[in-house]
Amino acid sequence: MNVIKDISKLLAEVELRHDPVSIRVNKFDEESALKFSYAMSAAQLTGQPIVPVIIDSYGGHVYSLMSMIANIKSSHIPVATIIEGKAMSCGALLFSYGTSGYRFMDKHATIMIHDVSSGAHGKIEEIKAEAKEGDRLNQVLYREMAANCGKENEFFLKQIHERSHADWYMDAEEALSIGLTNHLRVPEMKVKIDVEYTFN
């Protein structure tokens, strides 16, 4: 995503106190979740009207995703989610939390959705407990994803089940048809810096 500065020709030099914040998400781990939180906090103070979150990711850890979602939900300004390349697994879920009307996707990008992985290892009872937690997260996240897209609660859960829980790849046109994306393009952010004269 490009940031374009429109500067008045009356100004010889310009130094912004704060550049607009945009957040790139490539990974979902504890480090990336912490950086995401700091960037979201900074964006609330710049005066910018929207926070762009650019996603190009194969996915990662679901609890890091949950942290990022919490940050988006607590934002005081709208959040635009933008896919450049791919948004898979956690990336696809995060994408759906962009403010309605502000979800953008390059027309050649790809989304992939699948069951939340428990990552279970160890003893049988531990595997059962982790599988139960994975199922809980699956229900929570895909029901919220459905609500974000204006679908009935079980829409994504049913679609995953009908595909025998295999990975579900979709192109931009399919994502648009189900309301997951709103626009098939990568937006630009413009910063206008002008001079205003008044005479009283």
C-alpha atoms as a PDB file:
ATOM      1  CA  MET A   1       0.000   0.000   0.000  1.00  0.00           C
ATOM      2  CA  ASN A   2       1.361   3.394  -1.019  1.00  0.00           C
ATOM      3  CA  VAL A   3       1.278   6.539   1.125  1.00  0.00           C
ATOM      4  CA  ILE A   4       1.072   9.619  -1.107  1.00  0.00           C
ATOM      5  CA  LYS A   5       1.891  13.073   0.274  1.00  0.00           C
ATOM      6  CA  ASP A   6       0.121  16.012  -1.355  1.00  0.00           C
ATOM      7  CA  ILE A   7       2.177  19.024  -0.201  1.00  0.00           C
ATOM      8  CA  SER A   8       1.282  22.630  -0.936  1.00  0.00           C
ATOM      9  CA  LYS A   9       3.721  24.356  -3.288  1.00  0.00           C
ATOM     10  CA  LEU A  10       3.735  27.261  -0.827  1.00  0.00           C
ATOM     11  CA  LEU A  11       5.755  25.135   1.598  1.00  0.00           C
ATOM     12  CA  ALA A  12       9.519  24.825   1.150  1.00  0.00           C
ATOM     13  CA  GLU A  13      10.008  22.159   3.807  1.00  0.00           C
ATOM     14  CA  VAL A  14       7.697  19.811   5.669  1.00  0.00           C
ATOM     15  CA  GLU A  15       8.362  17.616   8.671  1.00  0.00           C
ATOM     16  CA  LEU A  16       5.409  15.670  10.025  1.00  0.00           C
ATOM     17  CA  ARG A  17       5.391  15.161  13.773  1.00  0.00           C
ATOM     18  CA  HIS A  18       3.931  11.677  13.185  1.00  0.00           C
ATOM     19  CA  ASP A  19       3.793   9.764   9.915  1.00  0.00           C
ATOM     20  CA  PRO A  20       0.579   7.768   9.484  1.00  0.00           C
ATOM     21  CA  VAL A  21       0.886   4.260  10.919  1.00  0.00           C
ATOM     22  CA  SER A  22       0.325   1.233   8.706  1.00  0.00           C
ATOM     23  CA  ILE A  23       0.826  -2.297  10.032  1.00  0.00           C
ATOM     24  CA  ARG A  24       2.216  -5.232   8.048  1.00  0.00           C
ATOM     25  CA  VAL A  25       1.346  -8.736   9.217  1.00  0.00           C
ATOM     26  CA  ASN A  26       3.449 -11.624   7.868  1.00  0.00           C
ATOM     27  CA  LYS A  27       3.594 -13.849  10.941  1.00  0.00           C
ATOM     28  CA  PHE A  28       1.396 -14.790  13.865  1.00  0.00           C
ATOM     29  CA  ASP A  29       3.617 -15.336  16.882  1.00  0.00           C
ATOM     30  CA  GLU A  30       4.192 -13.606  20.231  1.00  0.00           C
ATOM     31  CA  GLU A  31       6.708 -11.129  18.824  1.00  0.00           C
ATOM     32  CA  SER A  32       4.483 -10.089  15.908  1.00  0.00           C
ATOM     33  CA  ALA A  33       1.450  -9.797  18.218  1.00  0.00           C
ATOM     34  CA  LEU A  34       3.396  -7.475  20.536  1.00  0.00           C
ATOM     35  CA  LYS A  35       4.548  -5.303  17.614  1.00  0.00           C
ATOM     36  CA  PHE A  36       0.958  -5.221  16.348  1.00  0.00           C
ATOM     37  CA  SER A  37      -0.271  -3.997  19.747  1.00  0.00           C
ATOM     38  CA  TYR A  38       2.332  -1.196  19.901  1.00  0.00           C
ATOM     39  CA  ALA A  39       1.536  -0.082  16.354  1.00  0.00           C
ATOM     40  CA  MET A  40      -2.224  -0.064  16.968  1.00  0.00           C
ATOM     41  CA  SER A  41      -1.698   2.094  20.078  1.00  0.00           C
ATOM     42  CA  ALA A  42       0.518   4.503  18.135  1.00  0.00           C
ATOM     43  CA  ALA A  43      -2.057   4.815  15.335  1.00  0.00           C
ATOM     44  CA  GLN A  44      -4.659   6.128  17.772  1.00  0.00           C
ATOM     45  CA  LEU A  45      -2.460   9.219  18.409  1.00  0.00           C
ATOM     46  CA  THR A  46      -1.445  10.347  14.913  1.00  0.00           C
ATOM     47  CA  GLY A  47      -4.730  11.934  13.872  1.00  0.00           C
ATOM     48  CA  GLN A  48      -5.082   9.580  10.904  1.00  0.00           C
ATOM     49  CA  PRO A  49      -8.669   8.616  10.029  1.00  0.00           C
ATOM     50  CA  ILE A  50      -8.041   4.889   9.559  1.00  0.00           C
ATOM     51  CA  VAL A  51      -5.468   2.183  10.436  1.00  0.00           C
ATOM     52  CA  PRO A  52      -4.342   0.123   7.424  1.00  0.00           C
ATOM     53  CA  VAL A  53      -3.409  -3.490   8.288  1.00  0.00           C
ATOM     54  CA  ILE A  54      -1.649  -5.134   5.338  1.00  0.00           C
ATOM     55  CA  ILE A  55      -1.712  -8.936   5.388  1.00  0.00           C
ATOM     56  CA  ASP A  56       0.589 -11.240   3.426  1.00  0.00           C
ATOM     57  CA  SER A  57       0.843 -14.383   5.528  1.00  0.00           C
ATOM     58  CA  TYR A  58       0.693 -18.167   5.590  1.00  0.00           C
ATOM     59  CA  GLY A  59      -0.723 -18.027   9.138  1.00  0.00           C
ATOM     60  CA  GLY A  60       0.657 -19.019  12.517  1.00  0.00           C
ATOM     61  CA  HIS A  61      -0.372 -19.276  16.161  1.00  0.00           C
ATOM     62  CA  VAL A  62      -4.054 -18.824  16.947  1.00  0.00           C
ATOM     63  CA  TYR A  63      -3.495 -17.173  20.340  1.00  0.00           C
ATOM     64  CA  SER A  64      -1.359 -14.474  18.698  1.00  0.00           C
ATOM     65  CA  LEU A  65      -4.262 -13.961  16.279  1.00  0.00           C
ATOM     66  CA  MET A  66      -6.642 -13.578  19.239  1.00  0.00           C
ATOM     67  CA  SER A  67      -4.400 -10.844  20.667  1.00  0.00           C
ATOM     68  CA  MET A  68      -4.436  -8.951  17.346  1.00  0.00           C
ATOM     69  CA  ILE A  69      -8.227  -9.262  17.110  1.00  0.00           C
ATOM     70  CA  ALA A  70      -8.568  -7.805  20.617  1.00  0.00           C
ATOM     71  CA  ASN A  71      -6.458  -4.818  19.527  1.00  0.00           C
ATOM     72  CA  ILE A  72      -8.635  -4.243  16.462  1.00  0.00           C
ATOM     73  CA  LYS A  73     -11.817  -4.421  18.536  1.00  0.00           C
ATOM     74  CA  SER A  74     -10.498  -1.809  20.975  1.00  0.00           C
ATOM     75  CA  SER A  75      -9.419   0.637  18.243  1.00  0.00           C
ATOM     76  CA  HIS A  76     -11.099   4.049  18.401  1.00  0.00           C
ATOM     77  CA  ILE A  77     -10.710   4.539  14.652  1.00  0.00           C
ATOM     78  CA  PRO A  78     -11.716   2.227  11.775  1.00  0.00           C
ATOM     79  CA  VAL A  79      -9.316  -0.512  10.694  1.00  0.00           C
ATOM     80  CA  ALA A  80      -8.825  -1.331   7.003  1.00  0.00           C
ATOM     81  CA  THR A  81      -7.545  -4.831   6.271  1.00  0.00           C
ATOM     82  CA  ILE A  82      -5.701  -5.288   2.980  1.00  0.00           C
ATOM     83  CA  ILE A  83      -4.463  -8.529   1.403  1.00  0.00           C
ATOM     84  CA  GLU A  84      -1.346  -8.345  -0.728  1.00  0.00           C
ATOM     85  CA  GLY A  85      -0.489 -11.814  -2.013  1.00  0.00           C
ATOM     86  CA  LYS A  86      -2.102 -14.182   0.465  1.00  0.00           C
ATOM     87  CA  ALA A  87      -4.063 -14.402   3.701  1.00  0.00           C
ATOM     88  CA  MET A  88      -4.090 -18.003   4.884  1.00  0.00           C
ATOM     89  CA  SER A  89      -5.338 -19.586   8.089  1.00  0.00           C
ATOM     90  CA  CYS A  90      -4.905 -16.912  10.818  1.00  0.00           C
ATOM     91  CA  GLY A  91      -4.371 -14.335   8.062  1.00  0.00           C
ATOM     92  CA  ALA A  92      -7.808 -15.030   6.568  1.00  0.00           C
ATOM     93  CA  LEU A  93      -9.476 -14.751   9.963  1.00  0.00           C
ATOM     94  CA  LEU A  94      -7.702 -11.470  10.782  1.00  0.00           C
ATOM     95  CA  PHE A  95      -8.727 -10.071   7.402  1.00  0.00           C
ATOM     96  CA  SER A  96     -12.405 -10.502   8.266  1.00  0.00           C
ATOM     97  CA  TYR A  97     -12.067  -8.171  11.262  1.00  0.00           C
ATOM     98  CA  GLY A  98     -11.489  -5.124   9.071  1.00  0.00           C
ATOM     99  CA  THR A  99     -14.234  -2.538   9.486  1.00  0.00           C
ATOM    100  CA  SER A 100     -17.186  -3.269   7.201  1.00  0.00           C
ATOM    101  CA  GLY A 101     -16.595  -1.552   3.865  1.00  0.00           C
ATOM    102  CA  TYR A 102     -12.838  -1.365   4.489  1.00  0.00           C
ATOM    103  CA  ARG A 103     -11.690  -4.857   3.545  1.00  0.00           C
ATOM    104  CA  PHE A 104      -9.480  -4.706   0.445  1.00  0.00           C
ATOM    105  CA  MET A 105      -7.894  -7.524  -1.549  1.00  0.00           C
ATOM    106  CA  ASP A 106      -5.623  -7.452  -4.567  1.00  0.00           C
ATOM    107  CA  LYS A 107      -7.490  -9.080  -7.449  1.00  0.00           C
ATOM    108  CA  HIS A 108      -4.767 -11.742  -7.780  1.00  0.00           C
ATOM    109  CA  ALA A 109      -4.469 -12.512  -4.055  1.00  0.00           C
ATOM    110  CA  THR A 110      -5.506 -15.790  -2.409  1.00  0.00           C
ATOM    111  CA  ILE A 111      -7.366 -16.604   0.802  1.00  0.00           C
ATOM    112  CA  MET A 112      -7.194 -19.996   2.510  1.00  0.00           C
ATOM    113  CA  ILE A 113      -9.470 -21.110   5.333  1.00  0.00           C
ATOM    114  CA  HIS A 114      -9.296 -24.302   7.379  1.00  0.00           C
ATOM    115  CA  ASP A 115     -10.029 -25.689  10.840  1.00  0.00           C
ATOM    116  CA  VAL A 116      -8.181 -24.100  13.733  1.00  0.00           C
ATOM    117  CA  SER A 117      -5.310 -26.427  14.637  1.00  0.00           C
ATOM    118  CA  SER A 118      -4.912 -27.492  18.264  1.00  0.00           C
ATOM    119  CA  GLY A 119      -1.276 -28.456  17.677  1.00  0.00           C
ATOM    120  CA  ALA A 120      -1.859 -31.337  20.064  1.00  0.00           C
ATOM    121  CA  HIS A 121       1.048 -33.463  21.271  1.00  0.00           C
ATOM    122  CA  GLY A 122       1.673 -35.659  24.295  1.00  0.00           C
ATOM    123  CA  LYS A 123      -0.516 -38.018  26.271  1.00  0.00           C
ATOM    124  CA  ILE A 124      -3.993 -39.065  25.109  1.00  0.00           C
ATOM    125  CA  GLU A 125      -5.762 -36.895  27.705  1.00  0.00           C
ATOM    126  CA  GLU A 126      -3.632 -33.893  26.756  1.00  0.00           C
ATOM    127  CA  ILE A 127      -4.473 -34.414  23.088  1.00  0.00           C
ATOM    128  CA  LYS A 128      -8.186 -34.624  23.951  1.00  0.00           C
ATOM    129  CA  ALA A 129      -8.005 -31.404  25.989  1.00  0.00           C
ATOM    130  CA  GLU A 130      -6.195 -29.551  23.203  1.00  0.00           C
ATOM    131  CA  ALA A 131      -8.604 -30.883  20.578  1.00  0.00           C
ATOM    132  CA  LYS A 132     -11.508 -29.611  22.692  1.00  0.00           C
ATOM    133  CA  GLU A 133      -9.854 -26.190  22.918  1.00  0.00           C
ATOM    134  CA  GLY A 134      -9.239 -26.187  19.164  1.00  0.00           C
ATOM    135  CA  ASP A 135     -12.917 -26.933  18.558  1.00  0.00           C
ATOM    136  CA  ARG A 136     -13.943 -24.103  20.926  1.00  0.00           C
ATOM    137  CA  LEU A 137     -11.732 -21.609  19.084  1.00  0.00           C
ATOM    138  CA  ASN A 138     -13.048 -22.890  15.747  1.00  0.00           C
ATOM    139  CA  GLN A 139     -16.630 -22.193  16.821  1.00  0.00           C
ATOM    140  CA  VAL A 140     -15.830 -18.720  18.231  1.00  0.00           C
ATOM    141  CA  LEU A 141     -13.692 -17.484  15.346  1.00  0.00           C
ATOM    142  CA  TYR A 142     -15.764 -18.767  12.434  1.00  0.00           C
ATOM    143  CA  ARG A 143     -19.032 -17.554  13.967  1.00  0.00           C
ATOM    144  CA  GLU A 144     -17.510 -14.099  14.414  1.00  0.00           C
ATOM    145  CA  MET A 145     -16.145 -14.278  10.861  1.00  0.00           C
ATOM    146  CA  ALA A 146     -19.674 -15.018   9.637  1.00  0.00           C
ATOM    147  CA  ALA A 147     -21.031 -12.034  11.565  1.00  0.00           C
ATOM    148  CA  ASN A 148     -18.276  -9.815  10.113  1.00  0.00           C
ATOM    149  CA  CYS A 149     -19.372 -10.857   6.605  1.00  0.00           C
ATOM    150  CA  GLY A 150     -23.115 -10.517   7.241  1.00  0.00           C
ATOM    151  CA  LYS A 151     -23.686 -14.287   7.082  1.00  0.00           C
ATOM    152  CA  GLU A 152     -25.657 -16.576   9.369  1.00  0.00           C
ATOM    153  CA  ASN A 153     -23.676 -17.965  12.332  1.00  0.00           C
ATOM    154  CA  GLU A 154     -22.832 -21.380  10.899  1.00  0.00           C
ATOM    155  CA  PHE A 155     -21.988 -20.266   7.343  1.00  0.00           C
ATOM    156  CA  PHE A 156     -18.218 -20.851   7.430  1.00  0.00           C
ATOM    157  CA  LEU A 157     -18.454 -23.869   9.727  1.00  0.00           C
ATOM    158  CA  LYS A 158     -20.890 -25.503   7.273  1.00  0.00           C
ATOM    159  CA  GLN A 159     -18.687 -24.635   4.284  1.00  0.00           C
ATOM    160  CA  ILE A 160     -15.654 -26.203   5.961  1.00  0.00           C
ATOM    161  CA  HIS A 161     -17.647 -29.312   6.899  1.00  0.00           C
ATOM    162  CA  GLU A 162     -19.015 -29.694   3.352  1.00  0.00           C
ATOM    163  CA  ARG A 163     -15.417 -29.645   2.087  1.00  0.00           C
ATOM    164  CA  SER A 164     -14.592 -32.544   4.434  1.00  0.00           C
ATOM    165  CA  HIS A 165     -12.430 -30.163   6.510  1.00  0.00           C
ATOM    166  CA  ALA A 166      -9.900 -29.805   3.701  1.00  0.00           C
ATOM    167  CA  ASP A 167      -8.158 -26.468   3.066  1.00  0.00           C
ATOM    168  CA  TRP A 168     -10.543 -24.055   1.324  1.00  0.00           C
ATOM    169  CA  TYR A 169      -8.738 -21.822  -1.182  1.00  0.00           C
ATOM    170  CA  MET A 170     -10.612 -18.920  -2.717  1.00  0.00           C
ATOM    171  CA  ASP A 171      -9.702 -16.226  -5.190  1.00  0.00           C
ATOM    172  CA  ALA A 172     -10.697 -12.584  -4.953  1.00  0.00           C
ATOM    173  CA  GLU A 173     -13.921 -12.990  -6.935  1.00  0.00           C
ATOM    174  CA  GLU A 174     -15.199 -15.753  -4.630  1.00  0.00           C
ATOM    175  CA  ALA A 175     -14.209 -13.733  -1.551  1.00  0.00           C
ATOM    176  CA  LEU A 176     -16.194 -10.799  -2.940  1.00  0.00           C
ATOM    177  CA  SER A 177     -19.223 -12.977  -3.691  1.00  0.00           C
ATOM    178  CA  ILE A 178     -19.508 -14.132  -0.059  1.00  0.00           C
ATOM    179  CA  GLY A 179     -18.878 -10.702   1.461  1.00  0.00           C
ATOM    180  CA  LEU A 180     -15.450 -11.511   2.868  1.00  0.00           C
ATOM    181  CA  THR A 181     -13.788  -8.722   0.876  1.00  0.00           C
ATOM    182  CA  ASN A 182     -15.406  -5.411  -0.085  1.00  0.00           C
ATOM    183  CA  HIS A 183     -12.980  -4.216  -2.780  1.00  0.00           C
ATOM    184  CA  LEU A 184     -10.738  -5.943  -5.326  1.00  0.00           C
ATOM    185  CA  ARG A 185      -7.845  -3.495  -5.173  1.00  0.00           C
ATOM    186  CA  VAL A 186      -5.081  -2.252  -2.923  1.00  0.00           C
ATOM    187  CA  PRO A 187      -5.923   1.252  -1.647  1.00  0.00           C
ATOM    188  CA  GLU A 188      -3.667   4.285  -1.257  1.00  0.00           C
ATOM    189  CA  MET A 189      -3.426   6.590   1.733  1.00  0.00           C
ATOM    190  CA  LYS A 190      -3.102  10.278   0.895  1.00  0.00           C
ATOM    191  CA  VAL A 191      -1.664  12.850   3.296  1.00  0.00           C
ATOM    192  CA  LYS A 192      -2.613  16.418   2.334  1.00  0.00           C
ATOM    193  CA  ILE A 193      -0.427  19.181   3.758  1.00  0.00           C
ATOM    194  CA  ASP A 194      -1.711  22.643   2.899  1.00  0.00           C
ATOM    195  CA  VAL A 195      -1.424  26.309   3.791  1.00  0.00           C
ATOM    196  CA  GLU A 196      -4.534  28.203   4.848  1.00  0.00           C
ATOM    197  CA  TYR A 197      -4.746  32.005   4.903  1.00  0.00           C
ATOM    198  CA  THR A 198      -7.340  33.911   6.933  1.00  0.00           C
ATOM    199  CA  PHE A 199      -7.990  37.662   7.096  1.00  0.00           C
ATOM    200  CA  ASN A 200     -10.138  39.280   9.794  1.00  0.00           C
END
